[in-house]
Amino acid sequence: MELCLERHAASRGATRIMLETGRRNTAALALYHRAGYLPCPSYVAGRDARVNRAMTKLLDSSSR
């Protein structure tokens, strides 16, 4: 599943997307996982890992 935002970012030269959601937002976590996002360390200093979940995905170069 490729999201419109991913195509837009890739067309502008982005090589990856990072996002963050709350750990209780299971619907968003499941959607991002199905779309190929993987857990990663928080990219915002001071975020509480007990509350927030950061995820990242490398963008396909063919989308650019």
PDB file of N, CA and C in Angstrom:
ATOM      1  N   MET A   1       0.846  -1.171   0.000  1.00  0.00           N
ATOM      2  CA  MET A   1       0.000   0.000   0.000  1.00  0.00           C
ATOM      3  C   MET A   1       0.898   1.242   0.000  1.00  0.00           C
ATOM      4  N   GLU A   2       0.720   2.077  -0.983  1.00  0.00           N
ATOM      5  CA  GLU A   2       1.473   3.325  -1.025  1.00  0.00           C
ATOM      6  C   GLU A   2       0.502   4.479  -0.798  1.00  0.00           C
ATOM      7  N   LEU A   3       0.843   5.317   0.149  1.00  0.00           N
ATOM      8  CA  LEU A   3      -0.009   6.443   0.482  1.00  0.00           C
ATOM      9  C   LEU A   3       0.325   7.640  -0.406  1.00  0.00           C
ATOM     10  N   CYS A   4      -0.648   8.475  -0.653  1.00  0.00           N
ATOM     11  CA  CYS A   4      -0.457   9.674  -1.472  1.00  0.00           C
ATOM     12  C   CYS A   4       0.677  10.533  -0.919  1.00  0.00           C
ATOM     13  N   LEU A   5       0.761  10.654   0.387  1.00  0.00           N
ATOM     14  CA  LEU A   5       1.826  11.445   1.006  1.00  0.00           C
ATOM     15  C   LEU A   5       3.200  10.867   0.676  1.00  0.00           C
ATOM     16  N   GLU A   6       3.317   9.561   0.616  1.00  0.00           N
ATOM     17  CA  GLU A   6       4.587   8.924   0.275  1.00  0.00           C
ATOM     18  C   GLU A   6       4.994   9.263  -1.157  1.00  0.00           C
ATOM     19  N   ARG A   7       4.057   9.193  -2.085  1.00  0.00           N
ATOM     20  CA  ARG A   7       4.362   9.543  -3.480  1.00  0.00           C
ATOM     21  C   ARG A   7       4.783  11.003  -3.587  1.00  0.00           C
ATOM     22  N   HIS A   8       4.073  11.864  -2.891  1.00  0.00           N
ATOM     23  CA  HIS A   8       4.393  13.296  -2.912  1.00  0.00           C
ATOM     24  C   HIS A   8       5.798  13.532  -2.352  1.00  0.00           C
ATOM     25  N   ALA A   9       6.097  12.933  -1.217  1.00  0.00           N
ATOM     26  CA  ALA A   9       7.417  13.111  -0.595  1.00  0.00           C
ATOM     27  C   ALA A   9       8.522  12.580  -1.507  1.00  0.00           C
ATOM     28  N   ALA A  10       8.318  11.409  -2.081  1.00  0.00           N
ATOM     29  CA  ALA A  10       9.327  10.815  -2.961  1.00  0.00           C
ATOM     30  C   ALA A  10       9.545  11.676  -4.202  1.00  0.00           C
ATOM     31  N   SER A  11       8.479  12.256  -4.726  1.00  0.00           N
ATOM     32  CA  SER A  11       8.615  13.098  -5.924  1.00  0.00           C
ATOM     33  C   SER A  11       9.395  14.373  -5.625  1.00  0.00           C
ATOM     34  N   ARG A  12       9.501  14.721  -4.338  1.00  0.00           N
ATOM     35  CA  ARG A  12      10.255  15.911  -3.930  1.00  0.00           C
ATOM     36  C   ARG A  12      11.665  15.557  -3.446  1.00  0.00           C
ATOM     37  N   GLY A  13      12.054  14.266  -3.615  1.00  0.00           N
ATOM     38  CA  GLY A  13      13.404  13.850  -3.282  1.00  0.00           C
ATOM     39  C   GLY A  13      13.581  13.219  -1.911  1.00  0.00           C
ATOM     40  N   ALA A  14      12.513  13.055  -1.150  1.00  0.00           N
ATOM     41  CA  ALA A  14      12.629  12.418   0.168  1.00  0.00           C
ATOM     42  C   ALA A  14      12.989  10.948  -0.006  1.00  0.00           C
ATOM     43  N   THR A  15      13.796  10.427   0.899  1.00  0.00           N
ATOM     44  CA  THR A  15      14.197   9.021   0.840  1.00  0.00           C
ATOM     45  C   THR A  15      13.548   8.183   1.929  1.00  0.00           C
ATOM     46  N   ARG A  16      12.960   8.840   2.920  1.00  0.00           N
ATOM     47  CA  ARG A  16      12.238   8.103   3.958  1.00  0.00           C
ATOM     48  C   ARG A  16      11.235   9.029   4.630  1.00  0.00           C
ATOM     49  N   ILE A  17      10.281   8.411   5.284  1.00  0.00           N
ATOM     50  CA  ILE A  17       9.281   9.132   6.063  1.00  0.00           C
ATOM     51  C   ILE A  17       9.355   8.617   7.484  1.00  0.00           C
ATOM     52  N   MET A  18       9.268   9.536   8.433  1.00  0.00           N
ATOM     53  CA  MET A  18       9.185   9.181   9.846  1.00  0.00           C
ATOM     54  C   MET A  18       7.892   9.769  10.377  1.00  0.00           C
ATOM     55  N   LEU A  19       7.245   9.030  11.244  1.00  0.00           N
ATOM     56  CA  LEU A  19       6.006   9.507  11.838  1.00  0.00           C
ATOM     57  C   LEU A  19       5.925   9.044  13.280  1.00  0.00           C
ATOM     58  N   GLU A  20       4.982   9.613  13.993  1.00  0.00           N
ATOM     59  CA  GLU A  20       4.820   9.242  15.391  1.00  0.00           C
ATOM     60  C   GLU A  20       3.339   9.258  15.736  1.00  0.00           C
ATOM     61  N   THR A  21       2.935   8.320  16.549  1.00  0.00           N
ATOM     62  CA  THR A  21       1.568   8.266  17.040  1.00  0.00           C
ATOM     63  C   THR A  21       1.601   7.742  18.471  1.00  0.00           C
ATOM     64  N   GLY A  22       0.486   7.810  19.125  1.00  0.00           N
ATOM     65  CA  GLY A  22       0.397   7.298  20.488  1.00  0.00           C
ATOM     66  C   GLY A  22       0.339   5.777  20.498  1.00  0.00           C
ATOM     67  N   ARG A  23       0.896   5.165  21.524  1.00  0.00           N
ATOM     68  CA  ARG A  23       0.917   3.698  21.579  1.00  0.00           C
ATOM     69  C   ARG A  23      -0.480   3.116  21.713  1.00  0.00           C
ATOM     70  N   ARG A  24      -1.427   3.902  22.205  1.00  0.00           N
ATOM     71  CA  ARG A  24      -2.805   3.419  22.341  1.00  0.00           C
ATOM     72  C   ARG A  24      -3.598   3.514  21.041  1.00  0.00           C
ATOM     73  N   ASN A  25      -3.054   4.183  20.051  1.00  0.00           N
ATOM     74  CA  ASN A  25      -3.729   4.327  18.773  1.00  0.00           C
ATOM     75  C   ASN A  25      -3.454   3.088  17.924  1.00  0.00           C
ATOM     76  N   THR A  26      -4.061   2.000  18.315  1.00  0.00           N
ATOM     77  CA  THR A  26      -3.781   0.710  17.683  1.00  0.00           C
ATOM     78  C   THR A  26      -4.199   0.672  16.215  1.00  0.00           C
ATOM     79  N   ALA A  27      -5.245   1.408  15.859  1.00  0.00           N
ATOM     80  CA  ALA A  27      -5.672   1.432  14.455  1.00  0.00           C
ATOM     81  C   ALA A  27      -4.591   2.077  13.589  1.00  0.00           C
ATOM     82  N   ALA A  28      -4.031   3.185  14.035  1.00  0.00           N
ATOM     83  CA  ALA A  28      -2.962   3.852  13.264  1.00  0.00           C
ATOM     84  C   ALA A  28      -1.724   2.972  13.214  1.00  0.00           C
ATOM     85  N   LEU A  29      -1.348   2.375  14.324  1.00  0.00           N
ATOM     86  CA  LEU A  29      -0.171   1.504  14.350  1.00  0.00           C
ATOM     87  C   LEU A  29      -0.337   0.333  13.382  1.00  0.00           C
ATOM     88  N   ALA A  30      -1.518  -0.251  13.344  1.00  0.00           N
ATOM     89  CA  ALA A  30      -1.783  -1.369  12.431  1.00  0.00           C
ATOM     90  C   ALA A  30      -1.729  -0.901  10.970  1.00  0.00           C
ATOM     91  N   LEU A  31      -2.308   0.265  10.671  1.00  0.00           N
ATOM     92  CA  LEU A  31      -2.275   0.806   9.320  1.00  0.00           C
ATOM     93  C   LEU A  31      -0.846   1.054   8.864  1.00  0.00           C
ATOM     94  N   TYR A  32      -0.052   1.708   9.703  1.00  0.00           N
ATOM     95  CA  TYR A  32       1.333   2.004   9.342  1.00  0.00           C
ATOM     96  C   TYR A  32       2.144   0.718   9.167  1.00  0.00           C
ATOM     97  N   HIS A  33       1.909  -0.247  10.033  1.00  0.00           N
ATOM     98  CA  HIS A  33       2.622  -1.530   9.909  1.00  0.00           C
ATOM     99  C   HIS A  33       2.284  -2.203   8.571  1.00  0.00           C
ATOM    100  N   ARG A  34       1.007  -2.233   8.215  1.00  0.00           N
ATOM    101  CA  ARG A  34       0.586  -2.828   6.933  1.00  0.00           C
ATOM    102  C   ARG A  34       1.185  -2.079   5.746  1.00  0.00           C
ATOM    103  N   ALA A  35       1.419  -0.778   5.928  1.00  0.00           N
ATOM    104  CA  ALA A  35       1.975   0.040   4.847  1.00  0.00           C
ATOM    105  C   ALA A  35       3.496  -0.060   4.778  1.00  0.00           C
ATOM    106  N   GLY A  36       4.095  -0.868   5.669  1.00  0.00           N
ATOM    107  CA  GLY A  36       5.532  -1.094   5.603  1.00  0.00           C
ATOM    108  C   GLY A  36       6.385  -0.267   6.548  1.00  0.00           C
ATOM    109  N   TYR A  37       5.759   0.459   7.450  1.00  0.00           N
ATOM    110  CA  TYR A  37       6.517   1.240   8.427  1.00  0.00           C
ATOM    111  C   TYR A  37       7.041   0.327   9.526  1.00  0.00           C
ATOM    112  N   LEU A  38       8.247   0.641  10.003  1.00  0.00           N
ATOM    113  CA  LEU A  38       8.882  -0.143  11.059  1.00  0.00           C
ATOM    114  C   LEU A  38       9.158   0.739  12.274  1.00  0.00           C
ATOM    115  N   PRO A  39       9.102   0.162  13.470  1.00  0.00           N
ATOM    116  CA  PRO A  39       9.411   0.939  14.666  1.00  0.00           C
ATOM    117  C   PRO A  39      10.833   1.490  14.598  1.00  0.00           C
ATOM    118  N   CYS A  40      11.016   2.673  15.158  1.00  0.00           N
ATOM    119  CA  CYS A  40      12.336   3.296  15.229  1.00  0.00           C
ATOM    120  C   CYS A  40      12.412   4.123  16.504  1.00  0.00           C
ATOM    121  N   PRO A  41      13.613   4.497  16.896  1.00  0.00           N
ATOM    122  CA  PRO A  41      13.732   5.366  18.073  1.00  0.00           C
ATOM    123  C   PRO A  41      13.027   6.698  17.811  1.00  0.00           C
ATOM    124  N   SER A  42      12.545   7.313  18.855  1.00  0.00           N
ATOM    125  CA  SER A  42      11.887   8.612  18.717  1.00  0.00           C
ATOM    126  C   SER A  42      12.832   9.613  18.076  1.00  0.00           C
ATOM    127  N   TYR A  43      12.295  10.443  17.223  1.00  0.00           N
ATOM    128  CA  TYR A  43      13.097  11.471  16.558  1.00  0.00           C
ATOM    129  C   TYR A  43      12.886  12.846  17.187  1.00  0.00           C
ATOM    130  N   VAL A  44      12.126  12.882  18.280  1.00  0.00           N
ATOM    131  CA  VAL A  44      11.879  14.128  19.003  1.00  0.00           C
ATOM    132  C   VAL A  44      12.411  13.963  20.424  1.00  0.00           C
ATOM    133  N   ALA A  45      13.351  14.794  20.779  1.00  0.00           N
ATOM    134  CA  ALA A  45      13.932  14.719  22.130  1.00  0.00           C
ATOM    135  C   ALA A  45      12.846  14.911  23.184  1.00  0.00           C
ATOM    136  N   GLY A  46      12.919  14.078  24.224  1.00  0.00           N
ATOM    137  CA  GLY A  46      12.003  14.208  25.339  1.00  0.00           C
ATOM    138  C   GLY A  46      10.697  13.458  25.208  1.00  0.00           C
ATOM    139  N   ARG A  47      10.474  12.794  24.099  1.00  0.00           N
ATOM    140  CA  ARG A  47       9.236  12.018  23.958  1.00  0.00           C
ATOM    141  C   ARG A  47       9.290  10.823  24.901  1.00  0.00           C
ATOM    142  N   ASP A  48       8.157  10.497  25.474  1.00  0.00           N
ATOM    143  CA  ASP A  48       8.048   9.391  26.415  1.00  0.00           C
ATOM    144  C   ASP A  48       7.727   8.113  25.646  1.00  0.00           C
ATOM    145  N   ALA A  49       8.665   7.183  25.612  1.00  0.00           N
ATOM    146  CA  ALA A  49       8.480   5.930  24.868  1.00  0.00           C
ATOM    147  C   ALA A  49       7.335   5.085  25.423  1.00  0.00           C
ATOM    148  N   ARG A  50       6.935   5.372  26.651  1.00  0.00           N
ATOM    149  CA  ARG A  50       5.786   4.644  27.214  1.00  0.00           C
ATOM    150  C   ARG A  50       4.477   5.141  26.613  1.00  0.00           C
ATOM    151  N   VAL A  51       4.514   6.299  25.958  1.00  0.00           N
ATOM    152  CA  VAL A  51       3.308   6.906  25.394  1.00  0.00           C
ATOM    153  C   VAL A  51       3.357   6.963  23.868  1.00  0.00           C
ATOM    154  N   ASN A  52       4.501   7.325  23.325  1.00  0.00           N
ATOM    155  CA  ASN A  52       4.631   7.567  21.889  1.00  0.00           C
ATOM    156  C   ASN A  52       5.335   6.424  21.173  1.00  0.00           C
ATOM    157  N   ARG A  53       4.978   6.246  19.902  1.00  0.00           N
ATOM    158  CA  ARG A  53       5.623   5.255  19.049  1.00  0.00           C
ATOM    159  C   ARG A  53       6.047   5.933  17.759  1.00  0.00           C
ATOM    160  N   ALA A  54       7.332   5.881  17.463  1.00  0.00           N
ATOM    161  CA  ALA A  54       7.852   6.423  16.206  1.00  0.00           C
ATOM    162  C   ALA A  54       8.031   5.277  15.224  1.00  0.00           C
ATOM    163  N   MET A  55       7.803   5.579  13.942  1.00  0.00           N
ATOM    164  CA  MET A  55       7.951   4.583  12.894  1.00  0.00           C
ATOM    165  C   MET A  55       8.586   5.249  11.682  1.00  0.00           C
ATOM    166  N   THR A  56       9.242   4.451  10.854  1.00  0.00           N
ATOM    167  CA  THR A  56       9.887   4.978   9.668  1.00  0.00           C
ATOM    168  C   THR A  56       9.714   4.012   8.494  1.00  0.00           C
ATOM    169  N   LYS A  57       9.855   4.570   7.306  1.00  0.00           N
ATOM    170  CA  LYS A  57       9.767   3.755   6.098  1.00  0.00           C
ATOM    171  C   LYS A  57      10.677   4.367   5.044  1.00  0.00           C
ATOM    172  N   LEU A  58      11.493   3.518   4.420  1.00  0.00           N
ATOM    173  CA  LEU A  58      12.298   3.953   3.284  1.00  0.00           C
ATOM    174  C   LEU A  58      11.381   4.036   2.073  1.00  0.00           C
ATOM    175  N   LEU A  59      11.539   5.107   1.303  1.00  0.00           N
ATOM    176  CA  LEU A  59      10.694   5.285   0.122  1.00  0.00           C
ATOM    177  C   LEU A  59      11.318   4.629  -1.086  1.00  0.00           C
ATOM    178  N   ASP A  60      10.487   4.081  -1.918  1.00  0.00           N
ATOM    179  CA  ASP A  60      10.911   3.406  -3.140  1.00  0.00           C
ATOM    180  C   ASP A  60      11.379   4.451  -4.145  1.00  0.00           C
ATOM    181  N   SER A  61      12.575   4.294  -4.645  1.00  0.00           N
ATOM    182  CA  SER A  61      13.125   5.282  -5.586  1.00  0.00           C
ATOM    183  C   SER A  61      12.334   5.348  -6.886  1.00  0.00           C
ATOM    184  N   SER A  62      11.582   4.304  -7.203  1.00  0.00           N
ATOM    185  CA  SER A  62      10.787   4.321  -8.438  1.00  0.00           C
ATOM    186  C   SER A  62       9.599   5.256  -8.326  1.00  0.00           C
ATOM    187  N   SER A  63       9.276   5.705  -7.097  1.00  0.00           N
ATOM    188  CA  SER A  63       8.157   6.631  -6.904  1.00  0.00           C
ATOM    189  C   SER A  63       8.568   8.062  -7.220  1.00  0.00           C
ATOM    190  N   ARG A  64       9.879   8.303  -7.382  1.00  0.00           N
ATOM    191  CA  ARG A  64      10.364   9.685  -7.584  1.00  0.00           C
ATOM    192  C   ARG A  64      10.256  10.121  -9.015  1.00  0.00           C
TER     193      ARG A  64
END
